[in-house]
Structure formats: C-alpha cells, structure tokens
Amino acid sequence: MSGIKQQQLRLRNETVDKLRLVLSASNHRSMSSLADEVLEQGLDQRIAAMGDDDVAARTMRSLANRNG
C-alpha cells in the first residue's frame, strides 16, 4: 500500500459540499479518504489522456505503476 502524506488543500465551498453529499451515501469513513479516491481516479484519467510523447505523462505513469 502506498504511504500517506498529510496535505492541506484549499477547496471551494461547492467542492466541500459535493464531497459531503457523496460521503453521506458512500462507505468511506472520512472525507479525506473519499477525496483521495476521487483525486486518484481523476488524475489517472488525466494522465491516460496525455499523449505518450508527453514527458510529464510518462513520468506520472511510471510513478503510478511503481506505487500502485
């Protein structure tokens, strides 16, 4: 399992409200775990959408595969 790094994020009020709404209907124990999952899924999609010739995309894919 990947390590956990404590991080403080500044989120818009609307984003927090949406997280609370989804959290109320999910099995997640905390808003942090839900936000982590949502971010991971969204970032995976963005990385996949980047072209293979994109150095940043290749780097992120290698990191994701190493830590996954």
PDB file of N, CA and C in Angstrom:
ATOM      1  N   MET A   1       0.850  -1.179   0.000  1.00  0.00           N
ATOM      2  CA  MET A   1       0.000   0.000   0.000  1.00  0.00           C
ATOM      3  C   MET A   1       0.886   1.229   0.000  1.00  0.00           C
ATOM      4  N   SER A   2       0.464   2.237  -0.699  1.00  0.00           N
ATOM      5  CA  SER A   2       1.218   3.471  -0.781  1.00  0.00           C
ATOM      6  C   SER A   2       1.215   4.181   0.563  1.00  0.00           C
ATOM      7  N   GLY A   3       2.281   4.939   0.786  1.00  0.00           N
ATOM      8  CA  GLY A   3       2.344   5.727   2.008  1.00  0.00           C
ATOM      9  C   GLY A   3       1.346   6.860   1.978  1.00  0.00           C
ATOM     10  N   ILE A   4       1.085   7.405   3.132  1.00  0.00           N
ATOM     11  CA  ILE A   4       0.138   8.512   3.233  1.00  0.00           C
ATOM     12  C   ILE A   4       0.906   9.746   3.674  1.00  0.00           C
ATOM     13  N   LYS A   5       0.693  10.829   2.960  1.00  0.00           N
ATOM     14  CA  LYS A   5       1.324  12.094   3.279  1.00  0.00           C
ATOM     15  C   LYS A   5       0.235  13.081   3.649  1.00  0.00           C
ATOM     16  N   GLN A   6       0.364  13.658   4.823  1.00  0.00           N
ATOM     17  CA  GLN A   6      -0.622  14.636   5.249  1.00  0.00           C
ATOM     18  C   GLN A   6      -0.478  15.889   4.393  1.00  0.00           C
ATOM     19  N   GLN A   7      -1.604  16.369   3.875  1.00  0.00           N
ATOM     20  CA  GLN A   7      -1.585  17.516   2.978  1.00  0.00           C
ATOM     21  C   GLN A   7      -2.816  18.360   3.241  1.00  0.00           C
ATOM     22  N   GLN A   8      -2.635  19.652   3.297  1.00  0.00           N
ATOM     23  CA  GLN A   8      -3.769  20.550   3.461  1.00  0.00           C
ATOM     24  C   GLN A   8      -4.093  21.162   2.100  1.00  0.00           C
ATOM     25  N   LEU A   9      -5.340  21.022   1.680  1.00  0.00           N
ATOM     26  CA  LEU A   9      -5.783  21.563   0.404  1.00  0.00           C
ATOM     27  C   LEU A   9      -6.837  22.632   0.639  1.00  0.00           C
ATOM     28  N   ARG A  10      -6.795  23.654  -0.175  1.00  0.00           N
ATOM     29  CA  ARG A  10      -7.827  24.685  -0.131  1.00  0.00           C
ATOM     30  C   ARG A  10      -8.851  24.352  -1.197  1.00  0.00           C
ATOM     31  N   LEU A  11     -10.069  24.049  -0.770  1.00  0.00           N
ATOM     32  CA  LEU A  11     -11.133  23.650  -1.684  1.00  0.00           C
ATOM     33  C   LEU A  11     -12.253  24.690  -1.665  1.00  0.00           C
ATOM     34  N   ARG A  12     -12.897  24.843  -2.807  1.00  0.00           N
ATOM     35  CA  ARG A  12     -14.049  25.744  -2.877  1.00  0.00           C
ATOM     36  C   ARG A  12     -15.180  25.178  -2.014  1.00  0.00           C
ATOM     37  N   ASN A  13     -16.040  26.075  -1.527  1.00  0.00           N
ATOM     38  CA  ASN A  13     -17.176  25.658  -0.701  1.00  0.00           C
ATOM     39  C   ASN A  13     -18.049  24.647  -1.431  1.00  0.00           C
ATOM     40  N   GLU A  14     -18.254  24.878  -2.728  1.00  0.00           N
ATOM     41  CA  GLU A  14     -19.095  23.976  -3.525  1.00  0.00           C
ATOM     42  C   GLU A  14     -18.477  22.574  -3.595  1.00  0.00           C
ATOM     43  N   THR A  15     -17.158  22.508  -3.674  1.00  0.00           N
ATOM     44  CA  THR A  15     -16.475  21.219  -3.730  1.00  0.00           C
ATOM     45  C   THR A  15     -16.645  20.468  -2.420  1.00  0.00           C
ATOM     46  N   VAL A  16     -16.503  21.163  -1.312  1.00  0.00           N
ATOM     47  CA  VAL A  16     -16.683  20.535   0.001  1.00  0.00           C
ATOM     48  C   VAL A  16     -18.124  20.067   0.166  1.00  0.00           C
ATOM     49  N   ASP A  17     -19.080  20.870  -0.283  1.00  0.00           N
ATOM     50  CA  ASP A  17     -20.490  20.475  -0.202  1.00  0.00           C
ATOM     51  C   ASP A  17     -20.750  19.202  -1.005  1.00  0.00           C
ATOM     52  N   LYS A  18     -20.156  19.113  -2.196  1.00  0.00           N
ATOM     53  CA  LYS A  18     -20.311  17.912  -3.022  1.00  0.00           C
ATOM     54  C   LYS A  18     -19.672  16.707  -2.351  1.00  0.00           C
ATOM     55  N   LEU A  19     -18.497  16.899  -1.758  1.00  0.00           N
ATOM     56  CA  LEU A  19     -17.852  15.792  -1.043  1.00  0.00           C
ATOM     57  C   LEU A  19     -18.722  15.306   0.109  1.00  0.00           C
ATOM     58  N   ARG A  20     -19.307  16.240   0.849  1.00  0.00           N
ATOM     59  CA  ARG A  20     -20.187  15.853   1.966  1.00  0.00           C
ATOM     60  C   ARG A  20     -21.396  15.067   1.469  1.00  0.00           C
ATOM     61  N   LEU A  21     -21.966  15.508   0.353  1.00  0.00           N
ATOM     62  CA  LEU A  21     -23.133  14.826  -0.212  1.00  0.00           C
ATOM     63  C   LEU A  21     -22.775  13.396  -0.611  1.00  0.00           C
ATOM     64  N   VAL A  22     -21.668  13.239  -1.318  1.00  0.00           N
ATOM     65  CA  VAL A  22     -21.244  11.906  -1.755  1.00  0.00           C
ATOM     66  C   VAL A  22     -20.832  11.063  -0.554  1.00  0.00           C
ATOM     67  N   LEU A  23     -20.175  11.673   0.420  1.00  0.00           N
ATOM     68  CA  LEU A  23     -19.744  10.948   1.619  1.00  0.00           C
ATOM     69  C   LEU A  23     -20.938  10.352   2.365  1.00  0.00           C
ATOM     70  N   SER A  24     -22.038  11.084   2.398  1.00  0.00           N
ATOM     71  CA  SER A  24     -23.216  10.596   3.131  1.00  0.00           C
ATOM     72  C   SER A  24     -23.788   9.317   2.519  1.00  0.00           C
ATOM     73  N   ALA A  25     -23.508   9.069   1.237  1.00  0.00           N
ATOM     74  CA  ALA A  25     -24.037   7.880   0.561  1.00  0.00           C
ATOM     75  C   ALA A  25     -22.949   6.851   0.258  1.00  0.00           C
ATOM     76  N   SER A  26     -21.761   7.045   0.806  1.00  0.00           N
ATOM     77  CA  SER A  26     -20.653   6.142   0.483  1.00  0.00           C
ATOM     78  C   SER A  26     -20.236   5.322   1.704  1.00  0.00           C
ATOM     79  N   ASN A  27     -19.327   4.392   1.458  1.00  0.00           N
ATOM     80  CA  ASN A  27     -18.795   3.564   2.542  1.00  0.00           C
ATOM     81  C   ASN A  27     -17.520   4.134   3.141  1.00  0.00           C
ATOM     82  N   HIS A  28     -17.094   5.295   2.663  1.00  0.00           N
ATOM     83  CA  HIS A  28     -15.867   5.903   3.170  1.00  0.00           C
ATOM     84  C   HIS A  28     -16.057   6.350   4.609  1.00  0.00           C
ATOM     85  N   ARG A  29     -14.984   6.216   5.381  1.00  0.00           N
ATOM     86  CA  ARG A  29     -15.065   6.585   6.789  1.00  0.00           C
ATOM     87  C   ARG A  29     -14.762   8.055   7.023  1.00  0.00           C
ATOM     88  N   SER A  30     -14.146   8.699   6.049  1.00  0.00           N
ATOM     89  CA  SER A  30     -13.815  10.113   6.220  1.00  0.00           C
ATOM     90  C   SER A  30     -13.860  10.830   4.880  1.00  0.00           C
ATOM     91  N   MET A  31     -13.996  12.137   4.959  1.00  0.00           N
ATOM     92  CA  MET A  31     -13.974  12.946   3.748  1.00  0.00           C
ATOM     93  C   MET A  31     -12.596  12.872   3.105  1.00  0.00           C
ATOM     94  N   SER A  32     -11.558  12.731   3.902  1.00  0.00           N
ATOM     95  CA  SER A  32     -10.203  12.637   3.364  1.00  0.00           C
ATOM     96  C   SER A  32     -10.032  11.402   2.484  1.00  0.00           C
ATOM     97  N   SER A  33     -10.538  10.264   2.941  1.00  0.00           N
ATOM     98  CA  SER A  33     -10.390   9.045   2.143  1.00  0.00           C
ATOM     99  C   SER A  33     -11.202   9.135   0.853  1.00  0.00           C
ATOM    100  N   LEU A  34     -12.370   9.752   0.920  1.00  0.00           N
ATOM    101  CA  LEU A  34     -13.179   9.949  -0.278  1.00  0.00           C
ATOM    102  C   LEU A  34     -12.465  10.895  -1.244  1.00  0.00           C
ATOM    103  N   ALA A  35     -11.971  12.011  -0.736  1.00  0.00           N
ATOM    104  CA  ALA A  35     -11.271  12.981  -1.586  1.00  0.00           C
ATOM    105  C   ALA A  35     -10.039  12.349  -2.219  1.00  0.00           C
ATOM    106  N   ASP A  36      -9.319  11.516  -1.472  1.00  0.00           N
ATOM    107  CA  ASP A  36      -8.142  10.839  -2.006  1.00  0.00           C
ATOM    108  C   ASP A  36      -8.534   9.941  -3.176  1.00  0.00           C
ATOM    109  N   GLU A  37      -9.609   9.198  -3.020  1.00  0.00           N
ATOM    110  CA  GLU A  37     -10.063   8.303  -4.092  1.00  0.00           C
ATOM    111  C   GLU A  37     -10.506   9.091  -5.319  1.00  0.00           C
ATOM    112  N   VAL A  38     -11.265  10.158  -5.106  1.00  0.00           N
ATOM    113  CA  VAL A  38     -11.741  10.978  -6.218  1.00  0.00           C
ATOM    114  C   VAL A  38     -10.565  11.606  -6.959  1.00  0.00           C
ATOM    115  N   LEU A  39      -9.603  12.126  -6.216  1.00  0.00           N
ATOM    116  CA  LEU A  39      -8.420  12.720  -6.842  1.00  0.00           C
ATOM    117  C   LEU A  39      -7.626  11.677  -7.622  1.00  0.00           C
ATOM    118  N   GLU A  40      -7.432  10.516  -7.034  1.00  0.00           N
ATOM    119  CA  GLU A  40      -6.662   9.469  -7.708  1.00  0.00           C
ATOM    120  C   GLU A  40      -7.317   9.068  -9.028  1.00  0.00           C
ATOM    121  N   GLN A  41      -8.632   8.852  -8.999  1.00  0.00           N
ATOM    122  CA  GLN A  41      -9.341   8.461 -10.216  1.00  0.00           C
ATOM    123  C   GLN A  41      -9.271   9.563 -11.273  1.00  0.00           C
ATOM    124  N   GLY A  42      -9.480  10.800 -10.859  1.00  0.00           N
ATOM    125  CA  GLY A  42      -9.433  11.910 -11.798  1.00  0.00           C
ATOM    126  C   GLY A  42      -8.048  12.110 -12.382  1.00  0.00           C
ATOM    127  N   LEU A  43      -7.032  11.976 -11.548  1.00  0.00           N
ATOM    128  CA  LEU A  43      -5.659  12.135 -12.033  1.00  0.00           C
ATOM    129  C   LEU A  43      -5.268  10.998 -12.965  1.00  0.00           C
ATOM    130  N   ASP A  44      -5.708   9.784 -12.646  1.00  0.00           N
ATOM    131  CA  ASP A  44      -5.431   8.653 -13.540  1.00  0.00           C
ATOM    132  C   ASP A  44      -6.027   8.901 -14.922  1.00  0.00           C
ATOM    133  N   GLN A  45      -7.237   9.435 -14.964  1.00  0.00           N
ATOM    134  CA  GLN A  45      -7.888   9.732 -16.245  1.00  0.00           C
ATOM    135  C   GLN A  45      -7.126  10.813 -17.007  1.00  0.00           C
ATOM    136  N   ARG A  46      -6.683  11.833 -16.302  1.00  0.00           N
ATOM    137  CA  ARG A  46      -5.931  12.908 -16.966  1.00  0.00           C
ATOM    138  C   ARG A  46      -4.597  12.410 -17.498  1.00  0.00           C
ATOM    139  N   ILE A  47      -3.928  11.577 -16.719  1.00  0.00           N
ATOM    140  CA  ILE A  47      -2.645  11.032 -17.156  1.00  0.00           C
ATOM    141  C   ILE A  47      -2.845  10.152 -18.382  1.00  0.00           C
ATOM    142  N   ALA A  48      -3.905   9.334 -18.368  1.00  0.00           N
ATOM    143  CA  ALA A  48      -4.185   8.463 -19.512  1.00  0.00           C
ATOM    144  C   ALA A  48      -4.487   9.271 -20.769  1.00  0.00           C
ATOM    145  N   ALA A  49      -5.079  10.447 -20.593  1.00  0.00           N
ATOM    146  CA  ALA A  49      -5.430  11.279 -21.740  1.00  0.00           C
ATOM    147  C   ALA A  49      -4.220  11.999 -22.337  1.00  0.00           C
ATOM    148  N   MET A  50      -3.139  12.069 -21.579  1.00  0.00           N
ATOM    149  CA  MET A  50      -1.931  12.717 -22.097  1.00  0.00           C
ATOM    150  C   MET A  50      -1.279  11.815 -23.131  1.00  0.00           C
ATOM    151  N   GLY A  51      -0.663  12.403 -24.101  1.00  0.00           N
ATOM    152  CA  GLY A  51      -0.008  11.622 -25.142  1.00  0.00           C
ATOM    153  C   GLY A  51       1.263  10.961 -24.644  1.00  0.00           C
ATOM    154  N   ASP A  52       1.688   9.874 -25.320  1.00  0.00           N
ATOM    155  CA  ASP A  52       2.910   9.170 -24.949  1.00  0.00           C
ATOM    156  C   ASP A  52       4.151  10.024 -25.144  1.00  0.00           C
ATOM    157  N   ASP A  53       4.066  11.024 -26.010  1.00  0.00           N
ATOM    158  CA  ASP A  53       5.223  11.878 -26.235  1.00  0.00           C
ATOM    159  C   ASP A  53       5.357  12.967 -25.171  1.00  0.00           C
ATOM    160  N   ASP A  54       4.422  13.005 -24.241  1.00  0.00           N
ATOM    161  CA  ASP A  54       4.448  13.982 -23.158  1.00  0.00           C
ATOM    162  C   ASP A  54       5.331  13.452 -22.030  1.00  0.00           C
ATOM    163  N   VAL A  55       6.416  14.131 -21.744  1.00  0.00           N
ATOM    164  CA  VAL A  55       7.379  13.688 -20.716  1.00  0.00           C
ATOM    165  C   VAL A  55       6.708  13.602 -19.354  1.00  0.00           C
ATOM    166  N   ALA A  56       5.876  14.575 -19.027  1.00  0.00           N
ATOM    167  CA  ALA A  56       5.199  14.564 -17.727  1.00  0.00           C
ATOM    168  C   ALA A  56       4.285  13.348 -17.605  1.00  0.00           C
ATOM    169  N   ALA A  57       3.598  13.003 -18.680  1.00  0.00           N
ATOM    170  CA  ALA A  57       2.708  11.843 -18.658  1.00  0.00           C
ATOM    171  C   ALA A  57       3.498  10.564 -18.440  1.00  0.00           C
ATOM    172  N   ARG A  58       4.612  10.423 -19.134  1.00  0.00           N
ATOM    173  CA  ARG A  58       5.437   9.218 -18.956  1.00  0.00           C
ATOM    174  C   ARG A  58       5.950   9.122 -17.530  1.00  0.00           C
ATOM    175  N   THR A  59       6.356  10.239 -16.969  1.00  0.00           N
ATOM    176  CA  THR A  59       6.860  10.255 -15.598  1.00  0.00           C
ATOM    177  C   THR A  59       5.764   9.854 -14.613  1.00  0.00           C
ATOM    178  N   MET A  60       4.563  10.431 -14.785  1.00  0.00           N
ATOM    179  CA  MET A  60       3.466  10.119 -13.886  1.00  0.00           C
ATOM    180  C   MET A  60       3.026   8.666 -14.014  1.00  0.00           C
ATOM    181  N   ARG A  61       3.023   8.126 -15.235  1.00  0.00           N
ATOM    182  CA  ARG A  61       2.676   6.721 -15.423  1.00  0.00           C
ATOM    183  C   ARG A  61       3.675   5.826 -14.707  1.00  0.00           C
ATOM    184  N   SER A  62       4.955   6.152 -14.823  1.00  0.00           N
ATOM    185  CA  SER A  62       5.972   5.324 -14.168  1.00  0.00           C
ATOM    186  C   SER A  62       5.823   5.391 -12.648  1.00  0.00           C
ATOM    187  N   LEU A  63       5.509   6.553 -12.120  1.00  0.00           N
ATOM    188  CA  LEU A  63       5.296   6.685 -10.677  1.00  0.00           C
ATOM    189  C   LEU A  63       4.056   5.921 -10.232  1.00  0.00           C
ATOM    190  N   ALA A  64       2.988   6.026 -11.010  1.00  0.00           N
ATOM    191  CA  ALA A  64       1.746   5.326 -10.672  1.00  0.00           C
ATOM    192  C   ALA A  64       1.967   3.819 -10.694  1.00  0.00           C
ATOM    193  N   ASN A  65       2.701   3.330 -11.674  1.00  0.00           N
ATOM    194  CA  ASN A  65       2.956   1.900 -11.756  1.00  0.00           C
ATOM    195  C   ASN A  65       3.865   1.429 -10.631  1.00  0.00           C
ATOM    196  N   ARG A  66       4.803   2.254 -10.241  1.00  0.00           N
ATOM    197  CA  ARG A  66       5.723   1.891  -9.166  1.00  0.00           C
ATOM    198  C   ARG A  66       5.032   1.846  -7.830  1.00  0.00           C
ATOM    199  N   ASN A  67       4.118   2.810  -7.565  1.00  0.00           N
ATOM    200  CA  ASN A  67       3.462   2.906  -6.260  1.00  0.00           C
ATOM    201  C   ASN A  67       2.158   2.128  -6.206  1.00  0.00           C
ATOM    202  N   GLY A  68       1.652   1.696  -7.370  1.00  0.00           N
ATOM    203  CA  GLY A  68       0.348   1.040  -7.420  1.00  0.00           C
ATOM    204  C   GLY A  68       0.385  -0.307  -6.880  1.00  0.00           C
TER     205      GLY A  68
END
